[in-house]
Structure formats: structure tokens, C-alpha cells
Amino acid sequence: MPRIDLDPAALRAGTGYPAPFDEPVAGRLQRRLAPVAGLTAMGISHVLLRPGAWSSQRHWHEGEDEVLVMLSGEAVLIEDEGETVLRPGDCAAWPAGVRNGHHLVNRSNADCTFLCMSAGDRMAGGAYSDIDMVFTEQGYLHRDGTPYPARRTA
């Protein structure tokens, strides 16, 4: 099995979220590993969260399974059912279509890292639990269908 070379997978900050929803995610840096590994049917991101940063807005996917593996540090997983501290080796998973909004928040004083893997129909979209925003293949929309000006990248 070939080792994935991380050098071509640029570590990038930011998100395509429209303001002000992009602000809590400003301390998230991620590498998209699937393209450099030649994978076409699943996504893999290596994510670093700075102290205080969110992994994303709290969301769920209509057609995409998602799995997270904590690598270093700790973060708080926030879901509809409550909060759980995740530490290295901890895993979490969300099946496609389950409307359990989730994200991680780094409430510690140190960086944390994790892998997030997904497979399924990315274009099926989903929604954000706490804000007036959904995502579709057309981009970010208000729940009434009015588009946001931002381009979807995350």
C-alpha cells in the first residue's frame, strides 16, 4: 500500500461559508488527501483545529456517510444529543440521511488534529442545524431557497 505524500496536499485555511458563518471556522486548517492519493469514491481530510476553532458549522449530510478519527489533542464533539470530549484514538460516525447536526470545537489551549472521511453522494446536500443555511450542488442557500453569495468549498 503506498504511503500518501502530504507535500502536494496543501494545508489551507478558511471555508466557503458566507459571513458571518465563516468566522468560527477561521482557525481550521485542512489537507484534502483523497486527490493526492488518487481516490475518487471517498473524501479524506487531515484537519488541524487551533484553540477556539470550530471544524465547521453544525451540519448533517443527506447522501454522505462521515467518519472521524481523532489523532492528537482533544476537541468537543457537539451533536443534537449533547457534548462528548474526543481524544486521540476516539472515533465518531454519522450515517447518510441521519439529521444529527455535528461539529467539533477545540476548547483546549493546544492544537488538535483528526482525520475526517466521507463516502456517498456529496451532491445530495444537507443542512446546518443552528443557522439559516443548507448546502446543495448549487451552493449555499437559505432554507427558503434564496442563494448566499459565497461559493461552497467545504
Protein backbone atom coordinates (compact mmCIF):
# COMPACT_ATOMS: atom_id res chain seq x y z
CA MET A 1 0.00 0.00 0.00
CA PRO A 2 1.57 3.32 -1.00
CA ARG A 3 2.31 5.94 1.62
CA ILE A 4 0.44 9.19 0.96
CA ASP A 5 2.80 12.08 0.34
CA LEU A 6 1.38 15.03 2.27
CA ASP A 7 3.53 17.66 0.50
CA PRO A 8 1.24 18.04 -2.56
CA ALA A 9 -1.79 18.27 -0.25
CA ALA A 10 -1.58 21.92 0.68
CA LEU A 11 -2.62 22.84 4.20
CA ARG A 12 -5.24 25.53 3.70
CA ALA A 13 -7.27 27.75 5.97
CA GLY A 14 -10.72 29.14 5.54
CA THR A 15 -14.02 27.98 4.19
CA GLY A 16 -16.51 28.97 1.55
CA TYR A 17 -19.12 29.80 4.18
CA PRO A 18 -20.72 33.22 3.80
CA ALA A 19 -20.04 35.80 6.53
CA PRO A 20 -20.55 35.66 9.45
CA PHE A 21 -20.70 31.84 9.41
CA ASP A 22 -17.05 31.62 8.31
CA GLU A 23 -15.67 33.32 11.46
CA PRO A 24 -15.73 30.38 13.94
CA VAL A 25 -14.02 28.18 11.33
CA ALA A 26 -11.14 30.61 10.69
CA GLY A 27 -8.78 28.54 12.90
CA ARG A 28 -9.36 25.33 10.91
CA LEU A 29 -6.60 24.20 8.56
CA GLN A 30 -7.09 21.16 6.36
CA ARG A 31 -5.42 19.00 3.75
CA ARG A 32 -7.56 17.18 1.18
CA LEU A 33 -5.87 13.76 0.95
CA ALA A 34 -8.15 11.90 -1.48
CA PRO A 35 -6.97 13.77 -4.61
CA VAL A 36 -3.24 13.22 -3.91
CA ALA A 37 -3.93 9.55 -3.10
CA GLY A 38 -5.88 9.07 -6.35
CA LEU A 39 -9.13 8.23 -4.55
CA THR A 40 -12.31 9.03 -6.46
CA ALA A 41 -15.16 7.49 -4.42
CA MET A 42 -14.40 8.93 -0.99
CA GLY A 43 -13.07 12.05 0.62
CA ILE A 44 -10.41 12.28 3.31
CA SER A 45 -9.33 15.44 5.08
CA HIS A 46 -6.49 15.81 7.59
CA VAL A 47 -7.70 18.66 9.83
CA LEU A 48 -5.90 20.85 12.36
CA LEU A 49 -8.01 22.95 14.72
CA ARG A 50 -6.41 25.84 16.55
CA PRO A 51 -7.64 26.62 20.09
CA GLY A 52 -11.13 28.12 19.90
CA ALA A 53 -11.77 26.99 16.33
CA TRP A 54 -14.73 25.03 15.03
CA SER A 55 -14.41 22.23 12.46
CA SER A 56 -17.50 23.55 10.63
CA GLN A 57 -20.94 24.86 11.36
CA ARG A 58 -23.03 22.09 12.94
CA HIS A 59 -24.31 20.07 9.95
CA TRP A 60 -25.56 16.75 8.58
CA HIS A 61 -25.36 15.10 5.13
CA GLU A 62 -28.31 13.74 3.15
CA GLY A 63 -26.34 11.29 1.00
CA GLU A 64 -22.88 11.00 2.53
CA ASP A 65 -21.54 8.81 5.34
CA GLU A 66 -18.93 10.51 7.53
CA VAL A 67 -16.30 9.06 9.91
CA LEU A 68 -13.92 10.98 12.16
CA VAL A 69 -10.76 9.66 13.87
CA MET A 70 -9.08 11.87 16.49
CA LEU A 71 -5.28 11.89 16.10
CA SER A 72 -3.91 14.39 18.64
CA GLY A 73 -5.11 16.82 21.28
CA GLU A 74 -8.75 17.00 22.23
CA ALA A 75 -11.93 18.59 20.98
CA VAL A 76 -15.57 18.64 21.99
CA LEU A 77 -17.98 16.89 19.65
CA ILE A 78 -21.31 18.72 19.70
CA GLU A 79 -24.36 16.84 18.40
CA ASP A 80 -28.10 17.03 18.86
CA GLU A 81 -27.80 14.68 21.88
CA GLY A 82 -25.17 16.77 23.66
CA GLU A 83 -21.39 17.08 24.00
CA THR A 84 -18.61 14.47 24.11
CA VAL A 85 -14.88 15.08 24.57
CA LEU A 86 -12.83 13.29 21.89
CA ARG A 87 -9.17 12.36 22.46
CA PRO A 88 -6.56 10.51 20.36
CA GLY A 89 -7.92 7.19 19.15
CA ASP A 90 -11.57 8.15 19.60
CA CYS A 91 -13.83 7.72 16.58
CA ALA A 92 -17.27 9.01 15.62
CA ALA A 93 -19.52 8.24 12.66
CA TRP A 94 -22.65 9.68 11.08
CA PRO A 95 -24.68 7.68 8.52
CA ALA A 96 -26.05 9.46 5.47
CA GLY A 97 -29.51 10.90 5.93
CA VAL A 98 -29.43 10.97 9.74
CA ARG A 99 -30.27 14.54 10.70
CA ASN A 100 -27.94 14.71 13.69
CA GLY A 101 -26.12 18.02 13.36
CA HIS A 102 -22.49 17.68 14.44
CA HIS A 103 -19.18 19.51 14.59
CA LEU A 104 -16.04 19.73 16.73
CA VAL A 105 -14.94 22.71 18.80
CA ASN A 106 -11.41 22.99 20.18
CA ARG A 107 -11.94 24.32 23.70
CA SER A 108 -8.40 23.40 24.79
CA ASN A 109 -5.25 25.54 24.83
CA ALA A 110 -3.47 23.41 22.20
CA ASP A 111 -3.98 22.42 18.58
CA CYS A 112 -5.79 19.17 17.83
CA THR A 113 -5.80 17.05 14.67
CA PHE A 114 -8.15 14.48 13.20
CA LEU A 115 -8.99 12.64 10.00
CA CYS A 116 -12.44 13.05 8.52
CA MET A 117 -13.51 10.55 5.86
CA SER A 118 -16.68 10.55 3.79
CA ALA A 119 -18.26 8.49 1.03
CA GLY A 120 -21.52 8.66 -0.84
CA ASP A 121 -23.38 11.25 -2.86
CA ARG A 122 -21.76 14.58 -1.92
CA MET A 123 -24.13 16.45 -4.24
CA ALA A 124 -27.20 15.24 -2.30
CA GLY A 125 -26.57 18.11 0.10
CA GLY A 126 -27.61 18.59 3.69
CA ALA A 127 -28.27 21.31 6.21
CA TYR A 128 -26.83 23.29 9.08
CA SER A 129 -28.67 22.71 12.35
CA ASP A 130 -28.23 26.07 14.06
CA ILE A 131 -28.30 28.59 11.20
CA ASP A 132 -30.46 29.51 8.20
CA MET A 133 -28.36 27.61 5.65
CA VAL A 134 -28.48 24.43 3.58
CA PHE A 135 -25.99 23.11 1.03
CA THR A 136 -26.82 21.65 -2.35
CA GLU A 137 -24.95 21.12 -5.59
CA GLN A 138 -25.96 24.72 -6.41
CA GLY A 139 -24.10 26.01 -3.33
CA TYR A 140 -25.17 27.58 -0.05
CA LEU A 141 -28.83 28.55 0.21
CA HIS A 142 -31.14 30.00 2.83
CA ARG A 143 -33.78 27.48 3.91
CA ASP A 144 -36.28 29.32 1.65
CA GLY A 145 -34.04 28.62 -1.38
CA THR A 146 -32.50 32.10 -1.73
CA PRO A 147 -28.79 31.71 -2.55
CA TYR A 148 -25.98 33.08 -0.42
CA PRO A 149 -23.24 34.94 -2.33
CA ALA A 150 -20.47 32.56 -1.14
CA ARG A 151 -19.22 29.63 -3.20
CA ARG A 152 -19.37 26.22 -1.49
CA THR A 153 -15.90 24.77 -0.92
CA ALA A 154 -16.21 22.80 2.31
